[in-house]
Amino acid sequence: MASDALIVELIREGRLVVDPLHGYVYAPRSNTPRKPLGALTKKGYLRACINVGGHQHHFMVHRIVWVGAHGPVPEGHEIDHRSTVKTDNRLSNLEAVPGAENMRRAKVNGAFAGVGRRDGIRDGKGRFGKKRAGRQLDGRTWDDYPGGQS
């Protein structure tokens, strides 16, 4: 995992400081060194953008917290939020689990609800798309909408 190695290097150089108790990551060399890093993604996670050698690198904040405390994530594992609150990046809320287990937990906890296109409908071939599926989420067909006929 090249991204984990880069996170370790940035922490070692002091470019990133991790507060595992509160789940915050700071960039001491930034214009706002006391402000925790992280912008909310469409899926509800916090993502940090770090400039390294003139190139932007994006890291999930929960991954930075985990790597800062435990080192690189084991191969085939993902970081799961135990409480299902995706912005709660406290180390006590994070757990490295196999990818299949992470997906199983997300399905059981309803973490997929309202996320991206997963709530969309699929056509007979498994593709997403309202028009191809021939219906809308509310049950009306595509042709029932103004401009829906093609």
N, C-alpha and C. Protein backbone atom coordinates (compact mmCIF):
# COMPACT_ATOMS: atom_id res chain seq x y z
N MET A 1 0.84 -1.18 0.00
CA MET A 1 0.00 0.00 0.00
C MET A 1 0.88 1.24 0.00
N ALA A 2 0.98 1.86 -1.13
CA ALA A 2 1.82 3.04 -1.25
C ALA A 2 1.26 4.21 -0.44
N SER A 3 -0.07 4.31 -0.34
CA SER A 3 -0.66 5.44 0.39
C SER A 3 -0.34 5.34 1.88
N ASP A 4 -0.37 4.13 2.43
CA ASP A 4 -0.03 3.97 3.85
C ASP A 4 1.43 4.31 4.12
N ALA A 5 2.30 3.93 3.21
CA ALA A 5 3.72 4.25 3.36
C ALA A 5 3.92 5.77 3.32
N LEU A 6 3.18 6.45 2.47
CA LEU A 6 3.28 7.90 2.38
C LEU A 6 2.74 8.56 3.65
N ILE A 7 1.66 8.01 4.20
CA ILE A 7 1.12 8.53 5.46
C ILE A 7 2.15 8.39 6.57
N VAL A 8 2.80 7.22 6.66
CA VAL A 8 3.83 6.98 7.67
C VAL A 8 4.96 7.99 7.51
N GLU A 9 5.36 8.24 6.27
CA GLU A 9 6.45 9.19 6.00
C GLU A 9 6.05 10.61 6.40
N LEU A 10 4.83 11.02 6.08
CA LEU A 10 4.37 12.36 6.43
C LEU A 10 4.28 12.55 7.94
N ILE A 11 3.88 11.52 8.66
CA ILE A 11 3.84 11.59 10.12
C ILE A 11 5.26 11.67 10.68
N ARG A 12 6.16 10.85 10.14
CA ARG A 12 7.55 10.84 10.60
C ARG A 12 8.22 12.19 10.38
N GLU A 13 7.91 12.84 9.25
CA GLU A 13 8.48 14.15 8.94
C GLU A 13 7.84 15.28 9.74
N GLY A 14 6.73 15.00 10.42
CA GLY A 14 6.04 16.03 11.18
C GLY A 14 5.08 16.86 10.35
N ARG A 15 4.81 16.42 9.12
CA ARG A 15 3.85 17.14 8.26
C ARG A 15 2.42 16.84 8.64
N LEU A 16 2.21 15.70 9.29
CA LEU A 16 0.90 15.33 9.82
C LEU A 16 1.06 14.98 11.29
N VAL A 17 0.13 15.45 12.10
CA VAL A 17 0.10 15.12 13.52
C VAL A 17 -1.26 14.49 13.80
N VAL A 18 -1.25 13.32 14.43
CA VAL A 18 -2.48 12.58 14.69
C VAL A 18 -2.83 12.65 16.16
N ASP A 19 -4.10 12.97 16.44
CA ASP A 19 -4.64 12.93 17.79
C ASP A 19 -5.62 11.75 17.83
N PRO A 20 -5.15 10.53 18.19
CA PRO A 20 -6.01 9.36 18.13
C PRO A 20 -7.14 9.37 19.16
N LEU A 21 -6.95 10.07 20.26
CA LEU A 21 -7.98 10.12 21.30
C LEU A 21 -9.24 10.81 20.78
N HIS A 22 -9.07 11.90 20.03
CA HIS A 22 -10.20 12.65 19.50
C HIS A 22 -10.48 12.35 18.03
N GLY A 23 -9.56 11.65 17.36
CA GLY A 23 -9.75 11.31 15.95
C GLY A 23 -9.46 12.44 14.99
N TYR A 24 -8.56 13.34 15.36
CA TYR A 24 -8.23 14.48 14.52
C TYR A 24 -6.85 14.33 13.92
N VAL A 25 -6.67 14.94 12.75
CA VAL A 25 -5.38 15.00 12.08
C VAL A 25 -5.10 16.47 11.78
N TYR A 26 -3.88 16.90 12.09
CA TYR A 26 -3.48 18.29 11.89
C TYR A 26 -2.29 18.36 10.94
N ALA A 27 -2.18 19.47 10.23
CA ALA A 27 -1.04 19.74 9.36
C ALA A 27 -0.34 20.98 9.91
N PRO A 28 0.70 20.80 10.75
CA PRO A 28 1.35 21.93 11.40
C PRO A 28 1.94 22.98 10.46
N ARG A 29 2.27 22.59 9.23
CA ARG A 29 2.87 23.53 8.29
C ARG A 29 1.84 24.26 7.44
N SER A 30 0.57 24.01 7.67
CA SER A 30 -0.47 24.65 6.85
C SER A 30 -0.75 26.06 7.35
N ASN A 31 -1.60 26.77 6.63
CA ASN A 31 -2.00 28.11 7.05
C ASN A 31 -2.88 28.10 8.29
N THR A 32 -3.51 26.96 8.55
CA THR A 32 -4.38 26.80 9.72
C THR A 32 -3.93 25.57 10.51
N PRO A 33 -2.78 25.65 11.19
CA PRO A 33 -2.22 24.47 11.84
C PRO A 33 -3.05 23.92 13.00
N ARG A 34 -3.93 24.73 13.59
CA ARG A 34 -4.73 24.25 14.72
C ARG A 34 -6.10 23.73 14.30
N LYS A 35 -6.38 23.79 13.01
CA LYS A 35 -7.67 23.31 12.50
C LYS A 35 -7.51 21.87 12.02
N PRO A 36 -8.38 20.96 12.49
CA PRO A 36 -8.29 19.57 12.02
C PRO A 36 -8.53 19.47 10.52
N LEU A 37 -7.81 18.55 9.88
CA LEU A 37 -7.98 18.32 8.45
C LEU A 37 -9.25 17.53 8.20
N GLY A 38 -9.80 17.70 7.03
CA GLY A 38 -10.91 16.87 6.61
C GLY A 38 -12.05 17.65 6.01
N ALA A 39 -12.43 17.23 4.83
CA ALA A 39 -13.61 17.76 4.16
C ALA A 39 -14.57 16.59 3.96
N LEU A 40 -15.83 16.85 4.14
CA LEU A 40 -16.85 15.80 4.04
C LEU A 40 -17.03 15.35 2.59
N THR A 41 -16.98 14.04 2.37
CA THR A 41 -17.21 13.49 1.03
C THR A 41 -18.70 13.22 0.84
N LYS A 42 -19.09 12.89 -0.37
CA LYS A 42 -20.49 12.57 -0.66
C LYS A 42 -20.96 11.36 0.14
N LYS A 43 -20.05 10.47 0.44
CA LYS A 43 -20.42 9.26 1.19
C LYS A 43 -20.36 9.45 2.70
N GLY A 44 -20.01 10.65 3.15
CA GLY A 44 -20.06 10.95 4.57
C GLY A 44 -18.78 10.79 5.34
N TYR A 45 -17.68 10.49 4.67
CA TYR A 45 -16.37 10.35 5.33
C TYR A 45 -15.63 11.68 5.28
N LEU A 46 -14.59 11.80 6.11
CA LEU A 46 -13.72 12.97 6.06
C LEU A 46 -12.48 12.62 5.24
N ARG A 47 -12.12 13.49 4.30
CA ARG A 47 -10.96 13.27 3.45
C ARG A 47 -10.02 14.46 3.57
N ALA A 48 -8.74 14.18 3.69
CA ALA A 48 -7.71 15.22 3.78
C ALA A 48 -6.94 15.28 2.46
N CYS A 49 -6.60 16.48 2.07
CA CYS A 49 -5.83 16.72 0.86
C CYS A 49 -4.47 17.28 1.28
N ILE A 50 -3.39 16.60 0.90
CA ILE A 50 -2.05 16.99 1.29
C ILE A 50 -1.21 17.20 0.04
N ASN A 51 -0.45 18.29 0.00
CA ASN A 51 0.44 18.57 -1.11
C ASN A 51 1.80 17.94 -0.81
N VAL A 52 2.23 17.02 -1.67
CA VAL A 52 3.52 16.36 -1.51
C VAL A 52 4.29 16.50 -2.81
N GLY A 53 5.35 17.26 -2.78
CA GLY A 53 6.19 17.43 -3.96
C GLY A 53 5.44 18.07 -5.12
N GLY A 54 4.52 18.98 -4.82
CA GLY A 54 3.78 19.66 -5.86
C GLY A 54 2.57 18.89 -6.38
N HIS A 55 2.29 17.73 -5.80
CA HIS A 55 1.15 16.92 -6.22
C HIS A 55 0.18 16.76 -5.06
N GLN A 56 -1.11 16.83 -5.36
CA GLN A 56 -2.14 16.66 -4.34
C GLN A 56 -2.38 15.17 -4.10
N HIS A 57 -2.40 14.79 -2.83
CA HIS A 57 -2.72 13.42 -2.43
C HIS A 57 -3.91 13.48 -1.49
N HIS A 58 -4.85 12.59 -1.70
CA HIS A 58 -6.06 12.55 -0.89
C HIS A 58 -6.03 11.30 -0.01
N PHE A 59 -6.29 11.50 1.27
CA PHE A 59 -6.31 10.40 2.23
C PHE A 59 -7.58 10.50 3.07
N MET A 60 -8.15 9.38 3.38
CA MET A 60 -9.28 9.36 4.29
C MET A 60 -8.73 9.56 5.71
N VAL A 61 -9.38 10.43 6.47
CA VAL A 61 -8.89 10.79 7.80
C VAL A 61 -8.86 9.57 8.72
N HIS A 62 -9.86 8.70 8.64
CA HIS A 62 -9.86 7.53 9.51
C HIS A 62 -8.66 6.62 9.21
N ARG A 63 -8.23 6.59 7.97
CA ARG A 63 -7.06 5.79 7.62
C ARG A 63 -5.78 6.41 8.19
N ILE A 64 -5.68 7.73 8.14
CA ILE A 64 -4.52 8.41 8.71
C ILE A 64 -4.43 8.15 10.22
N VAL A 65 -5.57 8.23 10.90
CA VAL A 65 -5.60 7.98 12.35
C VAL A 65 -5.15 6.55 12.64
N TRP A 66 -5.66 5.59 11.88
CA TRP A 66 -5.29 4.19 12.10
C TRP A 66 -3.80 3.97 11.85
N VAL A 67 -3.31 4.46 10.72
CA VAL A 67 -1.89 4.28 10.36
C VAL A 67 -0.99 4.97 11.38
N GLY A 68 -1.42 6.14 11.86
CA GLY A 68 -0.64 6.85 12.86
C GLY A 68 -0.49 6.07 14.16
N ALA A 69 -1.48 5.26 14.50
CA ALA A 69 -1.45 4.51 15.75
C ALA A 69 -0.91 3.09 15.58
N HIS A 70 -1.24 2.43 14.47
CA HIS A 70 -0.92 1.01 14.31
C HIS A 70 0.01 0.70 13.15
N GLY A 71 0.30 1.66 12.31
CA GLY A 71 1.08 1.38 11.11
C GLY A 71 0.15 1.01 9.96
N PRO A 72 0.72 0.57 8.84
CA PRO A 72 -0.09 0.27 7.66
C PRO A 72 -1.21 -0.74 7.94
N VAL A 73 -2.31 -0.55 7.25
CA VAL A 73 -3.46 -1.45 7.37
C VAL A 73 -3.07 -2.80 6.78
N PRO A 74 -3.38 -3.89 7.47
CA PRO A 74 -3.03 -5.22 6.94
C PRO A 74 -3.64 -5.46 5.56
N GLU A 75 -2.94 -6.17 4.73
CA GLU A 75 -3.39 -6.49 3.38
C GLU A 75 -4.76 -7.16 3.42
N GLY A 76 -5.67 -6.69 2.58
CA GLY A 76 -7.01 -7.26 2.50
C GLY A 76 -7.98 -6.76 3.56
N HIS A 77 -7.52 -5.84 4.41
CA HIS A 77 -8.37 -5.29 5.46
C HIS A 77 -8.78 -3.86 5.13
N GLU A 78 -9.88 -3.44 5.73
CA GLU A 78 -10.37 -2.07 5.62
C GLU A 78 -10.64 -1.56 7.02
N ILE A 79 -10.72 -0.26 7.16
CA ILE A 79 -10.98 0.34 8.47
C ILE A 79 -12.49 0.55 8.61
N ASP A 80 -13.05 -0.07 9.63
CA ASP A 80 -14.49 0.01 9.89
C ASP A 80 -14.74 0.96 11.05
N HIS A 81 -15.80 1.75 10.93
CA HIS A 81 -16.26 2.60 12.03
C HIS A 81 -17.25 1.79 12.86
N ARG A 82 -16.87 1.39 14.06
CA ARG A 82 -17.71 0.54 14.89
C ARG A 82 -19.09 1.14 15.15
N SER A 83 -19.14 2.45 15.39
CA SER A 83 -20.40 3.10 15.72
C SER A 83 -21.23 3.43 14.48
N THR A 84 -20.71 3.18 13.31
CA THR A 84 -21.30 3.50 11.99
C THR A 84 -21.37 5.00 11.73
N VAL A 85 -20.81 5.83 12.62
CA VAL A 85 -20.75 7.27 12.38
C VAL A 85 -19.45 7.52 11.62
N LYS A 86 -19.56 7.85 10.35
CA LYS A 86 -18.39 7.92 9.48
C LYS A 86 -17.47 9.09 9.77
N THR A 87 -17.90 10.06 10.53
CA THR A 87 -17.04 11.18 10.88
C THR A 87 -16.41 11.02 12.26
N ASP A 88 -16.75 9.94 12.97
CA ASP A 88 -16.17 9.67 14.29
C ASP A 88 -14.90 8.86 14.09
N ASN A 89 -13.77 9.56 14.01
CA ASN A 89 -12.50 8.91 13.69
C ASN A 89 -11.62 8.67 14.92
N ARG A 90 -12.23 8.63 16.08
CA ARG A 90 -11.47 8.29 17.29
C ARG A 90 -10.95 6.86 17.14
N LEU A 91 -9.74 6.63 17.60
CA LEU A 91 -9.12 5.32 17.47
C LEU A 91 -9.98 4.24 18.11
N SER A 92 -10.65 4.56 19.21
CA SER A 92 -11.51 3.58 19.88
C SER A 92 -12.71 3.19 19.03
N ASN A 93 -13.03 3.96 18.00
CA ASN A 93 -14.16 3.66 17.12
C ASN A 93 -13.73 2.96 15.84
N LEU A 94 -12.44 2.79 15.64
CA LEU A 94 -11.93 2.21 14.40
C LEU A 94 -11.45 0.78 14.62
N GLU A 95 -11.65 -0.05 13.60
CA GLU A 95 -11.23 -1.44 13.67
C GLU A 95 -10.85 -1.91 12.27
N ALA A 96 -9.73 -2.60 12.16
CA ALA A 96 -9.32 -3.17 10.88
C ALA A 96 -10.00 -4.53 10.73
N VAL A 97 -10.78 -4.67 9.67
CA VAL A 97 -11.51 -5.90 9.42
C VAL A 97 -11.33 -6.29 7.95
N PRO A 98 -11.50 -7.58 7.63
CA PRO A 98 -11.45 -7.97 6.22
C PRO A 98 -12.53 -7.24 5.42
N GLY A 99 -12.27 -7.02 4.15
CA GLY A 99 -13.19 -6.28 3.30
C GLY A 99 -14.60 -6.86 3.30
N ALA A 100 -14.71 -8.19 3.26
CA ALA A 100 -16.03 -8.83 3.24
C ALA A 100 -16.79 -8.55 4.53
N GLU A 101 -16.09 -8.56 5.65
CA GLU A 101 -16.73 -8.28 6.94
C GLU A 101 -17.18 -6.82 7.00
N ASN A 102 -16.37 -5.92 6.47
CA ASN A 102 -16.74 -4.51 6.44
C ASN A 102 -18.02 -4.30 5.62
N MET A 103 -18.12 -4.96 4.48
CA MET A 103 -19.32 -4.86 3.66
C MET A 103 -20.53 -5.48 4.37
N ARG A 104 -20.32 -6.62 5.03
CA ARG A 104 -21.42 -7.27 5.75
C ARG A 104 -21.96 -6.35 6.84
N ARG A 105 -21.05 -5.74 7.60
CA ARG A 105 -21.47 -4.82 8.67
C ARG A 105 -22.20 -3.61 8.10
N ALA A 106 -21.72 -3.08 6.99
CA ALA A 106 -22.37 -1.91 6.38
C ALA A 106 -23.79 -2.26 5.94
N LYS A 107 -23.96 -3.45 5.42
CA LYS A 107 -25.29 -3.87 4.97
C LYS A 107 -26.23 -4.05 6.17
N VAL A 108 -25.73 -4.68 7.22
CA VAL A 108 -26.54 -4.92 8.42
C VAL A 108 -26.91 -3.61 9.10
N ASN A 109 -25.96 -2.67 9.17
CA ASN A 109 -26.19 -1.41 9.87
C ASN A 109 -26.88 -0.35 9.02
N GLY A 110 -27.14 -0.65 7.76
CA GLY A 110 -27.81 0.30 6.89
C GLY A 110 -26.92 1.44 6.44
N ALA A 111 -25.60 1.22 6.43
CA ALA A 111 -24.66 2.28 6.06
C ALA A 111 -24.74 2.62 4.57
N PHE A 112 -25.38 1.79 3.77
CA PHE A 112 -25.49 2.07 2.35
C PHE A 112 -26.66 2.98 2.04
N ALA A 113 -27.58 3.16 2.96
CA ALA A 113 -28.78 3.94 2.70
C ALA A 113 -28.42 5.37 2.30
N GLY A 114 -28.88 5.80 1.15
CA GLY A 114 -28.66 7.16 0.70
C GLY A 114 -27.24 7.45 0.22
N VAL A 115 -26.46 6.41 -0.04
CA VAL A 115 -25.07 6.61 -0.45
C VAL A 115 -24.94 6.41 -1.95
N GLY A 116 -24.50 7.44 -2.62
CA GLY A 116 -24.19 7.36 -4.04
C GLY A 116 -25.30 6.73 -4.86
N ARG A 117 -24.93 5.85 -5.76
CA ARG A 117 -25.89 5.23 -6.67
C ARG A 117 -26.32 3.85 -6.19
N ARG A 118 -25.89 3.43 -5.03
CA ARG A 118 -26.25 2.09 -4.56
C ARG A 118 -27.75 1.95 -4.32
N ASP A 119 -28.43 3.06 -4.04
CA ASP A 119 -29.86 2.99 -3.80
C ASP A 119 -30.65 3.08 -5.10
N GLY A 120 -29.94 3.23 -6.21
CA GLY A 120 -30.62 3.31 -7.50
C GLY A 120 -31.20 1.97 -7.89
N ILE A 121 -31.84 1.93 -9.00
CA ILE A 121 -32.42 0.69 -9.47
C ILE A 121 -31.61 0.21 -10.66
N ARG A 122 -31.64 -1.08 -10.87
CA ARG A 122 -30.85 -1.68 -11.94
C ARG A 122 -31.76 -2.25 -13.01
N ASP A 123 -31.24 -2.27 -14.21
CA ASP A 123 -32.00 -2.91 -15.27
C ASP A 123 -31.74 -4.41 -15.23
N GLY A 124 -32.23 -5.14 -16.22
CA GLY A 124 -32.09 -6.59 -16.24
C GLY A 124 -30.66 -7.08 -16.30
N LYS A 125 -29.75 -6.24 -16.77
CA LYS A 125 -28.34 -6.64 -16.86
C LYS A 125 -27.53 -6.16 -15.66
N GLY A 126 -28.20 -5.57 -14.66
CA GLY A 126 -27.50 -5.13 -13.47
C GLY A 126 -26.92 -3.73 -13.56
N ARG A 127 -27.25 -2.99 -14.63
CA ARG A 127 -26.72 -1.64 -14.77
C ARG A 127 -27.62 -0.66 -14.04
N PHE A 128 -27.02 0.41 -13.53
CA PHE A 128 -27.80 1.46 -12.90
C PHE A 128 -28.39 2.36 -13.96
N GLY A 129 -29.46 3.02 -13.62
CA GLY A 129 -30.02 4.00 -14.53
C GLY A 129 -31.53 3.89 -14.59
N LYS A 130 -32.18 5.01 -14.42
CA LYS A 130 -33.63 5.03 -14.38
C LYS A 130 -34.22 4.69 -15.75
N LYS A 131 -33.67 5.29 -16.78
CA LYS A 131 -34.23 5.09 -18.11
C LYS A 131 -34.04 3.65 -18.57
N ARG A 132 -32.84 3.11 -18.37
CA ARG A 132 -32.58 1.73 -18.80
C ARG A 132 -33.43 0.74 -18.02
N ALA A 133 -33.67 1.04 -16.74
CA ALA A 133 -34.47 0.13 -15.93
C ALA A 133 -35.95 0.23 -16.28
N GLY A 134 -36.36 1.32 -16.92
CA GLY A 134 -37.73 1.48 -17.35
C GLY A 134 -38.66 1.97 -16.26
N ARG A 135 -38.12 2.41 -15.13
CA ARG A 135 -38.96 2.92 -14.07
C ARG A 135 -38.18 3.87 -13.18
N GLN A 136 -38.87 4.63 -12.38
CA GLN A 136 -38.26 5.55 -11.43
C GLN A 136 -38.32 4.94 -10.04
N LEU A 137 -37.61 5.53 -9.09
CA LEU A 137 -37.62 5.02 -7.73
C LEU A 137 -39.01 5.08 -7.10
N ASP A 138 -39.82 6.04 -7.48
CA ASP A 138 -41.15 6.17 -6.88
C ASP A 138 -42.18 5.29 -7.59
N GLY A 139 -41.75 4.45 -8.51
CA GLY A 139 -42.65 3.51 -9.15
C GLY A 139 -43.19 3.95 -10.50
N ARG A 140 -43.08 5.24 -10.84
CA ARG A 140 -43.57 5.70 -12.13
C ARG A 140 -42.59 5.32 -13.23
N THR A 141 -43.09 5.09 -14.38
CA THR A 141 -42.20 4.75 -15.49
C THR A 141 -41.54 6.01 -16.03
N TRP A 142 -40.50 5.83 -16.77
CA TRP A 142 -39.74 6.94 -17.34
C TRP A 142 -40.64 7.78 -18.23
N ASP A 143 -41.54 7.14 -18.96
CA ASP A 143 -42.40 7.85 -19.89
C ASP A 143 -43.44 8.72 -19.19
N ASP A 144 -43.67 8.52 -17.89
CA ASP A 144 -44.63 9.32 -17.13
C ASP A 144 -44.11 10.72 -16.83
N TYR A 145 -42.82 10.97 -17.02
CA TYR A 145 -42.22 12.25 -16.71
C TYR A 145 -42.14 13.12 -17.96
N PRO A 146 -42.31 14.43 -17.81
CA PRO A 146 -42.17 15.33 -18.96
C PRO A 146 -40.76 15.19 -19.54
N GLY A 147 -40.69 15.01 -20.81
CA GLY A 147 -39.38 14.87 -21.46
C GLY A 147 -38.78 13.50 -21.27
N GLY A 148 -39.50 12.59 -20.67
CA GLY A 148 -38.96 11.28 -20.40
C GLY A 148 -39.00 10.34 -21.58
N GLN A 149 -39.80 10.67 -22.57
CA GLN A 149 -39.89 9.80 -23.74
C GLN A 149 -38.73 10.09 -24.67
N SER A 150 -38.17 9.03 -25.21
CA SER A 150 -37.06 9.24 -26.14
C SER A 150 -37.30 8.55 -27.45
